[in-house]
């Protein structure tokens, strides 16, 4: 069973995935890092800018990476903030049942939920130049609107919601280990129950 971390930019997915890796001896796969690697080291912003269909093409690349990562067993998948969305024909974000479905078939999807205003502030103050794989931020208002638009998609995708505000990363890692263990046990019992029906 995989542990698939989803959440907005600044929610600490990468940090938590590294802590979980140390505690569980699981390998971490970052969808954004894999996409960048497979695109000859281009940043997400460069990939989008150079693609014929911009974000549409990026979301398709993301789907291919998610599918491959989800085929692995016993790994931690550190998903990009937009993994829960695709784009419709008008370019508007919609729930991505294809990407979320691939993650759910292989493991437990964990949403790192935090206060939107705090996450926006954290994202704005973080030195984006230090991490060229992240797309450049737009204005504070548009970032907040984007995050708020995605909230129901994160909630729909999540098997487990882990509230992150005011908690230390090591405490979150321990809590998540317990909750994913409980969820895995419950899932196994439910599958076996269905087999007996």
N, C-alpha and C. Protein backbone atom coordinates (compact mmCIF):
# COMPACT_ATOMS: atom_id res chain seq x y z
N UNK A 1 0.83 -1.18 0.00
CA UNK A 1 0.00 0.00 0.00
C UNK A 1 0.88 1.25 0.00
N UNK A 2 0.56 2.18 -0.88
CA UNK A 2 1.30 3.44 -0.95
C UNK A 2 0.64 4.49 -0.05
N UNK A 3 1.43 5.47 0.34
CA UNK A 3 0.93 6.65 1.03
C UNK A 3 1.08 7.79 0.05
N UNK A 4 -0.04 8.40 -0.34
CA UNK A 4 -0.06 9.45 -1.35
C UNK A 4 -0.41 10.77 -0.68
N UNK A 5 0.54 11.69 -0.64
CA UNK A 5 0.33 12.97 0.03
C UNK A 5 -0.13 14.01 -0.98
N UNK A 6 -1.27 14.64 -0.67
CA UNK A 6 -1.78 15.73 -1.49
C UNK A 6 -1.96 16.95 -0.61
N UNK A 7 -2.01 18.11 -1.22
CA UNK A 7 -2.23 19.34 -0.48
C UNK A 7 -1.70 20.52 -1.25
N UNK A 8 -2.05 21.68 -0.76
CA UNK A 8 -1.65 22.90 -1.43
C UNK A 8 -0.16 23.16 -1.27
N UNK A 9 0.33 24.01 -2.12
CA UNK A 9 1.71 24.46 -2.00
C UNK A 9 1.92 25.03 -0.60
N UNK A 10 3.03 24.67 0.01
CA UNK A 10 3.34 25.18 1.34
C UNK A 10 2.78 24.35 2.47
N UNK A 11 2.06 23.26 2.15
CA UNK A 11 1.47 22.45 3.22
C UNK A 11 2.48 21.49 3.85
N UNK A 12 3.65 21.35 3.26
CA UNK A 12 4.70 20.53 3.87
C UNK A 12 4.74 19.10 3.37
N UNK A 13 4.20 18.85 2.18
CA UNK A 13 4.19 17.49 1.65
C UNK A 13 5.60 16.92 1.51
N UNK A 14 6.50 17.70 0.95
CA UNK A 14 7.87 17.20 0.72
C UNK A 14 8.59 16.95 2.03
N UNK A 15 8.46 17.86 2.97
CA UNK A 15 9.09 17.70 4.28
C UNK A 15 8.53 16.47 4.99
N UNK A 16 7.22 16.34 5.00
CA UNK A 16 6.60 15.20 5.68
C UNK A 16 6.95 13.89 4.99
N UNK A 17 7.01 13.89 3.67
CA UNK A 17 7.35 12.65 2.96
C UNK A 17 8.76 12.20 3.32
N UNK A 18 9.69 13.15 3.47
CA UNK A 18 11.06 12.77 3.87
C UNK A 18 11.07 12.20 5.29
N UNK A 19 10.33 12.81 6.19
CA UNK A 19 10.26 12.29 7.57
C UNK A 19 9.64 10.89 7.59
N UNK A 20 8.58 10.70 6.83
CA UNK A 20 7.95 9.38 6.76
C UNK A 20 8.90 8.35 6.18
N UNK A 21 9.69 8.76 5.20
CA UNK A 21 10.64 7.86 4.58
C UNK A 21 11.66 7.35 5.60
N UNK A 22 12.14 8.26 6.44
CA UNK A 22 13.10 7.87 7.47
C UNK A 22 12.45 6.91 8.47
N UNK A 23 11.23 7.20 8.87
CA UNK A 23 10.55 6.38 9.87
C UNK A 23 10.11 5.02 9.33
N UNK A 24 9.70 4.98 8.07
CA UNK A 24 9.12 3.75 7.52
C UNK A 24 10.04 3.00 6.57
N UNK A 25 11.18 3.61 6.22
CA UNK A 25 12.12 3.02 5.26
C UNK A 25 11.49 2.85 3.87
N UNK A 26 10.52 3.69 3.56
CA UNK A 26 9.89 3.68 2.24
C UNK A 26 10.59 4.68 1.33
N UNK A 27 10.57 4.40 0.04
CA UNK A 27 11.10 5.31 -0.96
C UNK A 27 10.07 6.41 -1.23
N UNK A 28 10.56 7.63 -1.47
CA UNK A 28 9.69 8.76 -1.81
C UNK A 28 9.80 9.05 -3.30
N UNK A 29 8.65 9.24 -3.93
CA UNK A 29 8.59 9.68 -5.32
C UNK A 29 7.84 11.00 -5.36
N UNK A 30 8.51 12.04 -5.84
CA UNK A 30 7.89 13.35 -6.01
C UNK A 30 7.42 13.46 -7.46
N UNK A 31 6.12 13.66 -7.65
CA UNK A 31 5.61 13.74 -9.01
C UNK A 31 6.21 14.93 -9.76
N UNK A 32 6.33 16.07 -9.09
CA UNK A 32 6.91 17.25 -9.77
C UNK A 32 8.37 17.01 -10.15
N UNK A 33 9.14 16.39 -9.25
CA UNK A 33 10.55 16.12 -9.54
C UNK A 33 10.69 15.13 -10.69
N UNK A 34 9.83 14.10 -10.72
CA UNK A 34 9.89 13.13 -11.81
C UNK A 34 9.53 13.76 -13.15
N UNK A 35 8.53 14.62 -13.15
CA UNK A 35 8.16 15.30 -14.39
C UNK A 35 9.32 16.16 -14.87
N UNK A 36 9.91 16.92 -13.98
CA UNK A 36 11.04 17.78 -14.33
C UNK A 36 12.20 16.94 -14.87
N UNK A 37 12.52 15.84 -14.20
CA UNK A 37 13.60 14.96 -14.63
C UNK A 37 13.34 14.42 -16.03
N UNK A 38 12.12 13.96 -16.26
CA UNK A 38 11.78 13.38 -17.56
C UNK A 38 11.72 14.42 -18.68
N UNK A 39 11.61 15.67 -18.31
CA UNK A 39 11.59 16.76 -19.29
C UNK A 39 12.94 17.47 -19.32
N UNK A 40 14.00 16.68 -19.16
CA UNK A 40 15.38 17.16 -19.25
C UNK A 40 15.69 18.28 -18.28
N UNK A 41 15.13 18.18 -17.08
CA UNK A 41 15.45 19.13 -16.02
C UNK A 41 14.73 20.46 -16.11
N UNK A 42 13.79 20.59 -17.02
CA UNK A 42 13.04 21.85 -17.12
C UNK A 42 12.19 22.06 -15.86
N UNK A 43 12.04 23.30 -15.48
CA UNK A 43 11.13 23.61 -14.38
C UNK A 43 9.70 23.45 -14.88
N UNK A 44 8.76 23.38 -13.96
CA UNK A 44 7.35 23.27 -14.34
C UNK A 44 6.96 24.47 -15.20
N UNK A 45 7.40 25.64 -14.79
CA UNK A 45 7.09 26.85 -15.56
C UNK A 45 7.60 26.73 -17.00
N UNK A 46 8.81 26.21 -17.18
CA UNK A 46 9.37 26.04 -18.53
C UNK A 46 8.59 25.00 -19.32
N UNK A 47 8.22 23.91 -18.66
CA UNK A 47 7.45 22.86 -19.35
C UNK A 47 6.14 23.44 -19.87
N UNK A 48 5.45 24.18 -19.01
CA UNK A 48 4.16 24.77 -19.39
C UNK A 48 4.35 25.78 -20.53
N UNK A 49 5.36 26.61 -20.41
CA UNK A 49 5.62 27.64 -21.42
C UNK A 49 5.98 27.01 -22.77
N UNK A 50 6.73 25.91 -22.77
CA UNK A 50 7.19 25.30 -24.01
C UNK A 50 6.21 24.30 -24.61
N UNK A 51 5.21 23.90 -23.85
CA UNK A 51 4.25 22.90 -24.34
C UNK A 51 3.26 23.53 -25.30
N UNK A 52 2.85 22.76 -26.29
CA UNK A 52 1.90 23.27 -27.28
C UNK A 52 0.58 23.70 -26.63
N UNK A 53 0.12 22.93 -25.65
CA UNK A 53 -1.15 23.24 -24.99
C UNK A 53 -0.96 23.68 -23.54
N UNK A 54 0.22 24.15 -23.20
CA UNK A 54 0.46 24.71 -21.87
C UNK A 54 0.12 23.77 -20.73
N UNK A 55 -0.76 24.25 -19.84
CA UNK A 55 -1.12 23.47 -18.65
C UNK A 55 -1.83 22.16 -19.00
N UNK A 56 -2.57 22.12 -20.11
CA UNK A 56 -3.20 20.86 -20.53
C UNK A 56 -2.13 19.78 -20.69
N UNK A 57 -1.05 20.12 -21.40
CA UNK A 57 0.02 19.15 -21.62
C UNK A 57 0.70 18.77 -20.31
N UNK A 58 0.91 19.76 -19.43
CA UNK A 58 1.53 19.45 -18.15
C UNK A 58 0.67 18.46 -17.36
N UNK A 59 -0.64 18.69 -17.31
CA UNK A 59 -1.53 17.78 -16.56
C UNK A 59 -1.51 16.38 -17.15
N UNK A 60 -1.35 16.26 -18.48
CA UNK A 60 -1.22 14.94 -19.09
C UNK A 60 0.09 14.27 -18.69
N UNK A 61 1.18 15.03 -18.67
CA UNK A 61 2.46 14.49 -18.20
C UNK A 61 2.33 14.04 -16.74
N UNK A 62 1.67 14.86 -15.95
CA UNK A 62 1.47 14.53 -14.53
C UNK A 62 0.70 13.23 -14.39
N UNK A 63 -0.32 13.03 -15.21
CA UNK A 63 -1.10 11.80 -15.17
C UNK A 63 -0.23 10.59 -15.47
N UNK A 64 0.62 10.70 -16.48
CA UNK A 64 1.51 9.58 -16.82
C UNK A 64 2.44 9.24 -15.66
N UNK A 65 2.99 10.25 -15.01
CA UNK A 65 3.89 10.03 -13.87
C UNK A 65 3.12 9.43 -12.69
N UNK A 66 1.93 9.94 -12.43
CA UNK A 66 1.11 9.41 -11.33
C UNK A 66 0.78 7.94 -11.58
N UNK A 67 0.41 7.61 -12.81
CA UNK A 67 0.10 6.20 -13.13
C UNK A 67 1.29 5.29 -12.87
N UNK A 68 2.47 5.73 -13.30
CA UNK A 68 3.66 4.90 -13.09
C UNK A 68 4.00 4.78 -11.61
N UNK A 69 3.95 5.89 -10.89
CA UNK A 69 4.26 5.86 -9.45
C UNK A 69 3.25 4.98 -8.72
N UNK A 70 2.00 5.05 -9.12
CA UNK A 70 0.96 4.28 -8.45
C UNK A 70 1.09 2.77 -8.68
N UNK A 71 1.82 2.37 -9.70
CA UNK A 71 2.04 0.94 -9.95
C UNK A 71 3.05 0.35 -8.97
N UNK A 72 3.82 1.20 -8.32
CA UNK A 72 4.79 0.73 -7.34
C UNK A 72 4.06 0.36 -6.05
N UNK A 73 4.73 -0.40 -5.22
CA UNK A 73 4.11 -0.82 -3.97
C UNK A 73 4.96 -0.37 -2.79
N UNK A 74 4.29 0.09 -1.75
CA UNK A 74 4.97 0.44 -0.51
C UNK A 74 5.82 1.69 -0.59
N UNK A 75 5.42 2.66 -1.43
CA UNK A 75 6.17 3.90 -1.56
C UNK A 75 5.35 5.08 -1.04
N UNK A 76 6.03 6.19 -0.87
CA UNK A 76 5.38 7.45 -0.51
C UNK A 76 5.38 8.29 -1.78
N UNK A 77 4.19 8.73 -2.20
CA UNK A 77 4.08 9.56 -3.40
C UNK A 77 3.78 10.99 -2.95
N UNK A 78 4.75 11.87 -3.18
CA UNK A 78 4.66 13.29 -2.84
C UNK A 78 4.12 14.00 -4.08
N UNK A 79 2.82 14.30 -4.06
CA UNK A 79 2.14 14.82 -5.25
C UNK A 79 2.24 16.34 -5.34
N UNK A 80 2.33 16.83 -6.55
CA UNK A 80 2.27 18.27 -6.78
C UNK A 80 0.92 18.82 -6.34
N UNK A 81 0.88 20.10 -6.04
CA UNK A 81 -0.33 20.71 -5.52
C UNK A 81 -1.54 20.60 -6.42
N UNK A 82 -1.33 20.49 -7.73
CA UNK A 82 -2.44 20.42 -8.67
C UNK A 82 -2.79 19.02 -9.12
N UNK A 83 -2.31 18.01 -8.43
CA UNK A 83 -2.56 16.64 -8.85
C UNK A 83 -4.05 16.30 -8.86
N UNK A 84 -4.83 17.02 -8.11
CA UNK A 84 -6.26 16.72 -8.00
C UNK A 84 -7.07 17.41 -9.09
N UNK A 85 -6.41 18.11 -10.02
CA UNK A 85 -7.15 18.81 -11.07
C UNK A 85 -6.66 18.43 -12.47
N UNK A 86 -7.58 18.58 -13.40
CA UNK A 86 -7.31 18.58 -14.83
C UNK A 86 -7.95 19.85 -15.36
N UNK A 87 -7.84 20.08 -16.65
CA UNK A 87 -8.46 21.26 -17.25
C UNK A 87 -9.54 20.83 -18.23
N UNK A 88 -10.67 21.54 -18.19
CA UNK A 88 -11.72 21.26 -19.16
C UNK A 88 -11.39 21.95 -20.48
N UNK A 89 -12.29 21.86 -21.45
CA UNK A 89 -12.01 22.41 -22.78
C UNK A 89 -11.87 23.93 -22.79
N UNK A 90 -12.40 24.60 -21.75
CA UNK A 90 -12.24 26.05 -21.64
C UNK A 90 -11.02 26.45 -20.82
N UNK A 91 -10.29 25.47 -20.31
CA UNK A 91 -9.10 25.76 -19.52
C UNK A 91 -9.36 25.95 -18.04
N UNK A 92 -10.58 25.64 -17.59
CA UNK A 92 -10.91 25.76 -16.16
C UNK A 92 -10.54 24.48 -15.43
N UNK A 93 -10.11 24.63 -14.18
CA UNK A 93 -9.75 23.45 -13.39
C UNK A 93 -11.00 22.68 -12.98
N UNK A 94 -10.91 21.36 -13.16
CA UNK A 94 -11.96 20.43 -12.74
C UNK A 94 -11.30 19.29 -11.99
N UNK A 95 -12.09 18.57 -11.21
CA UNK A 95 -11.59 17.43 -10.44
C UNK A 95 -11.01 16.38 -11.39
N UNK A 96 -9.85 15.85 -11.05
CA UNK A 96 -9.19 14.84 -11.88
C UNK A 96 -9.46 13.44 -11.36
N UNK A 97 -10.53 12.85 -11.85
CA UNK A 97 -10.84 11.49 -11.41
C UNK A 97 -9.79 10.50 -11.91
N UNK A 98 -9.14 10.79 -13.04
CA UNK A 98 -8.14 9.85 -13.56
C UNK A 98 -6.90 9.80 -12.68
N UNK A 99 -6.39 10.95 -12.24
CA UNK A 99 -5.19 10.95 -11.40
C UNK A 99 -5.52 10.48 -9.99
N UNK A 100 -6.60 10.99 -9.43
CA UNK A 100 -6.98 10.58 -8.07
C UNK A 100 -7.32 9.09 -8.06
N UNK A 101 -7.99 8.62 -9.09
CA UNK A 101 -8.32 7.19 -9.17
C UNK A 101 -7.08 6.31 -9.17
N UNK A 102 -6.06 6.72 -9.92
CA UNK A 102 -4.81 5.95 -9.94
C UNK A 102 -4.17 5.91 -8.56
N UNK A 103 -4.18 7.05 -7.86
CA UNK A 103 -3.61 7.09 -6.51
C UNK A 103 -4.40 6.20 -5.56
N UNK A 104 -5.72 6.27 -5.61
CA UNK A 104 -6.56 5.51 -4.69
C UNK A 104 -6.45 4.00 -4.92
N UNK A 105 -6.27 3.60 -6.17
CA UNK A 105 -6.14 2.17 -6.45
C UNK A 105 -4.87 1.59 -5.84
N UNK A 106 -3.87 2.43 -5.61
CA UNK A 106 -2.60 1.92 -5.12
C UNK A 106 -2.35 2.18 -3.65
N UNK A 107 -3.19 2.98 -3.02
CA UNK A 107 -2.89 3.29 -1.63
C UNK A 107 -3.90 4.21 -0.99
N UNK A 108 -3.44 4.90 0.01
CA UNK A 108 -4.27 5.81 0.80
C UNK A 108 -3.87 7.23 0.45
N UNK A 109 -4.87 8.05 0.13
CA UNK A 109 -4.64 9.45 -0.22
C UNK A 109 -4.83 10.30 1.03
N UNK A 110 -3.78 11.03 1.38
CA UNK A 110 -3.77 11.84 2.60
C UNK A 110 -3.68 13.31 2.22
N UNK A 111 -4.69 14.09 2.63
CA UNK A 111 -4.70 15.53 2.38
C UNK A 111 -4.11 16.25 3.58
N UNK A 112 -3.04 17.00 3.35
CA UNK A 112 -2.46 17.84 4.39
C UNK A 112 -3.20 19.17 4.34
N UNK A 113 -4.17 19.31 5.24
CA UNK A 113 -5.06 20.47 5.22
C UNK A 113 -4.53 21.55 6.16
N UNK A 114 -4.46 22.76 5.63
CA UNK A 114 -4.01 23.90 6.43
C UNK A 114 -4.83 25.13 6.11
N UNK A 115 -4.70 26.14 6.95
CA UNK A 115 -5.38 27.40 6.75
C UNK A 115 -4.90 28.06 5.46
N UNK A 116 -5.83 28.41 4.59
CA UNK A 116 -5.49 28.96 3.27
C UNK A 116 -4.68 30.25 3.40
N UNK A 117 -5.08 31.15 4.28
CA UNK A 117 -4.35 32.41 4.43
C UNK A 117 -2.90 32.17 4.86
N UNK A 118 -2.71 31.23 5.78
CA UNK A 118 -1.36 30.91 6.24
C UNK A 118 -0.54 30.29 5.11
N UNK A 119 -1.15 29.41 4.33
CA UNK A 119 -0.44 28.79 3.22
C UNK A 119 -0.08 29.80 2.13
N UNK A 120 -0.99 30.73 1.86
CA UNK A 120 -0.70 31.78 0.88
C UNK A 120 0.48 32.62 1.36
N UNK A 121 0.45 33.00 2.63
CA UNK A 121 1.54 33.81 3.18
C UNK A 121 2.86 33.05 3.11
N UNK A 122 2.83 31.77 3.47
CA UNK A 122 4.05 30.96 3.43
C UNK A 122 4.57 30.85 1.99
N UNK A 123 3.67 30.62 1.06
CA UNK A 123 4.08 30.50 -0.34
C UNK A 123 4.65 31.80 -0.87
N UNK A 124 4.08 32.92 -0.46
CA UNK A 124 4.55 34.22 -0.93
C UNK A 124 5.91 34.59 -0.35
N UNK A 125 6.17 34.20 0.88
CA UNK A 125 7.43 34.60 1.51
C UNK A 125 8.57 33.64 1.19
N UNK A 126 8.23 32.43 0.77
CA UNK A 126 9.28 31.45 0.46
C UNK A 126 10.04 31.90 -0.79
N UNK A 127 11.31 31.72 -0.77
CA UNK A 127 12.14 32.15 -1.90
C UNK A 127 11.96 31.18 -3.06
N UNK A 128 11.10 31.55 -4.00
CA UNK A 128 10.82 30.69 -5.14
C UNK A 128 12.06 30.49 -6.02
N UNK A 129 12.95 31.44 -5.99
CA UNK A 129 14.16 31.31 -6.81
C UNK A 129 15.02 30.13 -6.38
N UNK A 130 14.88 29.72 -5.12
CA UNK A 130 15.67 28.59 -4.63
C UNK A 130 15.14 27.26 -5.14
N UNK A 131 13.90 27.23 -5.63
CA UNK A 131 13.32 25.98 -6.13
C UNK A 131 12.75 26.23 -7.53
N UNK A 132 13.57 26.06 -8.55
CA UNK A 132 13.13 26.38 -9.91
C UNK A 132 12.07 25.42 -10.45
N UNK A 133 11.80 24.31 -9.77
CA UNK A 133 10.80 23.37 -10.26
C UNK A 133 9.37 23.79 -9.96
N UNK A 134 9.22 24.82 -9.15
CA UNK A 134 7.87 25.28 -8.82
C UNK A 134 7.47 26.41 -9.75
N UNK A 135 6.19 26.42 -10.15
CA UNK A 135 5.73 27.52 -10.99
C UNK A 135 5.81 28.84 -10.23
N UNK A 136 6.05 29.92 -10.94
CA UNK A 136 6.10 31.23 -10.30
C UNK A 136 4.72 31.60 -9.80
N UNK A 137 4.68 32.28 -8.67
CA UNK A 137 3.42 32.67 -8.07
C UNK A 137 2.87 33.92 -8.72
N UNK A 138 1.57 33.97 -8.79
CA UNK A 138 0.87 35.14 -9.27
C UNK A 138 0.60 36.03 -8.07
N UNK A 139 -0.37 36.90 -8.16
CA UNK A 139 -0.67 37.78 -7.04
C UNK A 139 -1.24 36.99 -5.87
N UNK A 140 -1.19 37.59 -4.70
CA UNK A 140 -1.72 36.95 -3.50
C UNK A 140 -3.19 36.62 -3.67
N UNK A 141 -3.97 37.54 -4.23
CA UNK A 141 -5.41 37.31 -4.39
C UNK A 141 -5.68 36.13 -5.31
N UNK A 142 -4.97 36.04 -6.44
CA UNK A 142 -5.24 34.94 -7.37
C UNK A 142 -4.77 33.61 -6.79
N UNK A 143 -3.70 33.62 -6.03
CA UNK A 143 -3.24 32.39 -5.39
C UNK A 143 -4.26 31.93 -4.36
N UNK A 144 -4.77 32.86 -3.58
CA UNK A 144 -5.79 32.51 -2.58
C UNK A 144 -7.05 31.97 -3.27
N UNK A 145 -7.47 32.61 -4.34
CA UNK A 145 -8.66 32.15 -5.07
C UNK A 145 -8.43 30.74 -5.63
N UNK A 146 -7.24 30.49 -6.16
CA UNK A 146 -6.91 29.17 -6.69
C UNK A 146 -6.98 28.12 -5.58
N UNK A 147 -6.38 28.41 -4.45
CA UNK A 147 -6.38 27.46 -3.34
C UNK A 147 -7.81 27.19 -2.85
N UNK A 148 -8.60 28.24 -2.72
CA UNK A 148 -9.98 28.06 -2.25
C UNK A 148 -10.81 27.27 -3.26
N UNK A 149 -10.55 27.47 -4.55
CA UNK A 149 -11.25 26.72 -5.59
C UNK A 149 -10.95 25.23 -5.49
N UNK A 150 -9.73 24.89 -5.10
CA UNK A 150 -9.32 23.49 -5.04
C UNK A 150 -9.75 22.76 -3.76
N UNK A 151 -10.17 23.48 -2.74
CA UNK A 151 -10.52 22.85 -1.46
C UNK A 151 -11.49 21.67 -1.62
N UNK A 152 -12.62 21.82 -2.33
CA UNK A 152 -13.52 20.67 -2.44
C UNK A 152 -12.92 19.49 -3.19
N UNK A 153 -11.98 19.76 -4.09
CA UNK A 153 -11.32 18.68 -4.81
C UNK A 153 -10.41 17.88 -3.88
N UNK A 154 -9.68 18.59 -3.02
CA UNK A 154 -8.83 17.91 -2.04
C UNK A 154 -9.69 17.06 -1.11
N UNK A 155 -10.78 17.63 -0.65
CA UNK A 155 -11.66 16.90 0.28
C UNK A 155 -12.24 15.65 -0.38
N UNK A 156 -12.66 15.78 -1.63
CA UNK A 156 -13.21 14.64 -2.36
C UNK A 156 -12.17 13.54 -2.55
N UNK A 157 -10.94 13.92 -2.79
CA UNK A 157 -9.88 12.95 -3.06
C UNK A 157 -9.40 12.23 -1.80
N UNK A 158 -9.51 12.87 -0.65
CA UNK A 158 -8.85 12.39 0.57
C UNK A 158 -9.52 11.16 1.18
N UNK A 159 -8.68 10.18 1.51
CA UNK A 159 -9.11 9.08 2.38
C UNK A 159 -8.90 9.47 3.83
N UNK A 160 -7.86 10.25 4.06
CA UNK A 160 -7.51 10.76 5.39
C UNK A 160 -7.24 12.25 5.26
N UNK A 161 -7.77 13.03 6.21
CA UNK A 161 -7.47 14.46 6.26
C UNK A 161 -6.60 14.68 7.49
N UNK A 162 -5.43 15.23 7.27
CA UNK A 162 -4.48 15.49 8.35
C UNK A 162 -4.35 17.00 8.51
N UNK A 163 -4.90 17.54 9.60
CA UNK A 163 -4.81 18.98 9.85
C UNK A 163 -3.40 19.31 10.32
N UNK A 164 -2.78 20.27 9.64
CA UNK A 164 -1.36 20.55 9.86
C UNK A 164 -1.09 21.78 10.70
N UNK A 165 -2.06 22.66 10.85
CA UNK A 165 -1.82 23.94 11.53
C UNK A 165 -1.41 23.73 12.98
N UNK A 166 -0.31 24.38 13.35
CA UNK A 166 0.17 24.35 14.73
C UNK A 166 0.82 23.05 15.16
N UNK A 167 1.10 22.16 14.22
CA UNK A 167 1.69 20.87 14.57
C UNK A 167 3.11 20.77 14.02
N UNK A 168 3.97 20.11 14.77
CA UNK A 168 5.33 19.86 14.31
C UNK A 168 5.33 18.71 13.32
N UNK A 169 6.25 18.78 12.37
CA UNK A 169 6.32 17.75 11.32
C UNK A 169 6.53 16.35 11.89
N UNK A 170 7.36 16.23 12.91
CA UNK A 170 7.59 14.87 13.45
C UNK A 170 6.31 14.32 14.08
N UNK A 171 5.51 15.19 14.73
CA UNK A 171 4.24 14.75 15.31
C UNK A 171 3.25 14.37 14.21
N UNK A 172 3.26 15.12 13.13
CA UNK A 172 2.40 14.79 12.00
C UNK A 172 2.78 13.43 11.41
N UNK A 173 4.08 13.18 11.31
CA UNK A 173 4.55 11.90 10.76
C UNK A 173 4.08 10.74 11.62
N UNK A 174 4.19 10.87 12.92
CA UNK A 174 3.75 9.79 13.82
C UNK A 174 2.23 9.61 13.72
N UNK A 175 1.49 10.72 13.72
CA UNK A 175 0.04 10.63 13.60
C UNK A 175 -0.36 9.97 12.28
N UNK A 176 0.32 10.35 11.22
CA UNK A 176 0.00 9.79 9.91
C UNK A 176 0.32 8.30 9.85
N UNK A 177 1.42 7.89 10.45
CA UNK A 177 1.75 6.46 10.47
C UNK A 177 0.64 5.67 11.14
N UNK A 178 0.14 6.15 12.26
CA UNK A 178 -0.94 5.46 12.96
C UNK A 178 -2.21 5.44 12.12
N UNK A 179 -2.56 6.58 11.56
CA UNK A 179 -3.82 6.66 10.81
C UNK A 179 -3.77 5.86 9.51
N UNK A 180 -2.64 5.83 8.83
CA UNK A 180 -2.57 5.03 7.61
C UNK A 180 -2.58 3.55 7.94
N UNK A 181 -1.99 3.18 9.05
CA UNK A 181 -2.03 1.78 9.49
C UNK A 181 -3.47 1.37 9.79
N UNK A 182 -4.21 2.21 10.50
CA UNK A 182 -5.61 1.93 10.80
C UNK A 182 -6.44 1.87 9.52
N UNK A 183 -6.20 2.79 8.60
CA UNK A 183 -6.95 2.83 7.35
C UNK A 183 -6.65 1.61 6.48
N UNK A 184 -5.39 1.18 6.46
CA UNK A 184 -5.02 0.00 5.68
C UNK A 184 -5.71 -1.24 6.23
N UNK A 185 -5.75 -1.36 7.55
CA UNK A 185 -6.42 -2.49 8.19
C UNK A 185 -7.91 -2.47 7.84
N UNK A 186 -8.53 -1.31 7.96
CA UNK A 186 -9.95 -1.18 7.64
C UNK A 186 -10.22 -1.54 6.18
N UNK A 187 -9.38 -1.06 5.27
CA UNK A 187 -9.53 -1.34 3.85
C UNK A 187 -9.43 -2.83 3.57
N UNK A 188 -8.46 -3.50 4.22
CA UNK A 188 -8.28 -4.93 4.02
C UNK A 188 -9.52 -5.69 4.51
N UNK A 189 -10.04 -5.32 5.67
CA UNK A 189 -11.22 -5.98 6.22
C UNK A 189 -12.41 -5.78 5.28
N UNK A 190 -12.57 -4.56 4.76
CA UNK A 190 -13.69 -4.28 3.85
C UNK A 190 -13.57 -5.09 2.56
N UNK A 191 -12.35 -5.19 2.01
CA UNK A 191 -12.16 -5.97 0.78
C UNK A 191 -12.47 -7.44 1.04
N UNK A 192 -11.99 -7.95 2.15
CA UNK A 192 -12.25 -9.36 2.46
C UNK A 192 -13.74 -9.59 2.70
N UNK A 193 -14.40 -8.63 3.31
CA UNK A 193 -15.84 -8.74 3.53
C UNK A 193 -16.59 -8.78 2.21
N UNK A 194 -16.16 -7.99 1.24
CA UNK A 194 -16.80 -7.99 -0.07
C UNK A 194 -16.56 -9.31 -0.79
N UNK A 195 -15.38 -9.90 -0.57
CA UNK A 195 -15.07 -11.18 -1.20
C UNK A 195 -15.97 -12.28 -0.65
N UNK A 196 -16.40 -12.15 0.61
CA UNK A 196 -17.23 -13.17 1.23
C UNK A 196 -18.70 -13.04 0.84
N UNK A 197 -19.09 -11.86 0.36
CA UNK A 197 -20.51 -11.65 -0.02
C UNK A 197 -20.89 -12.44 -1.25
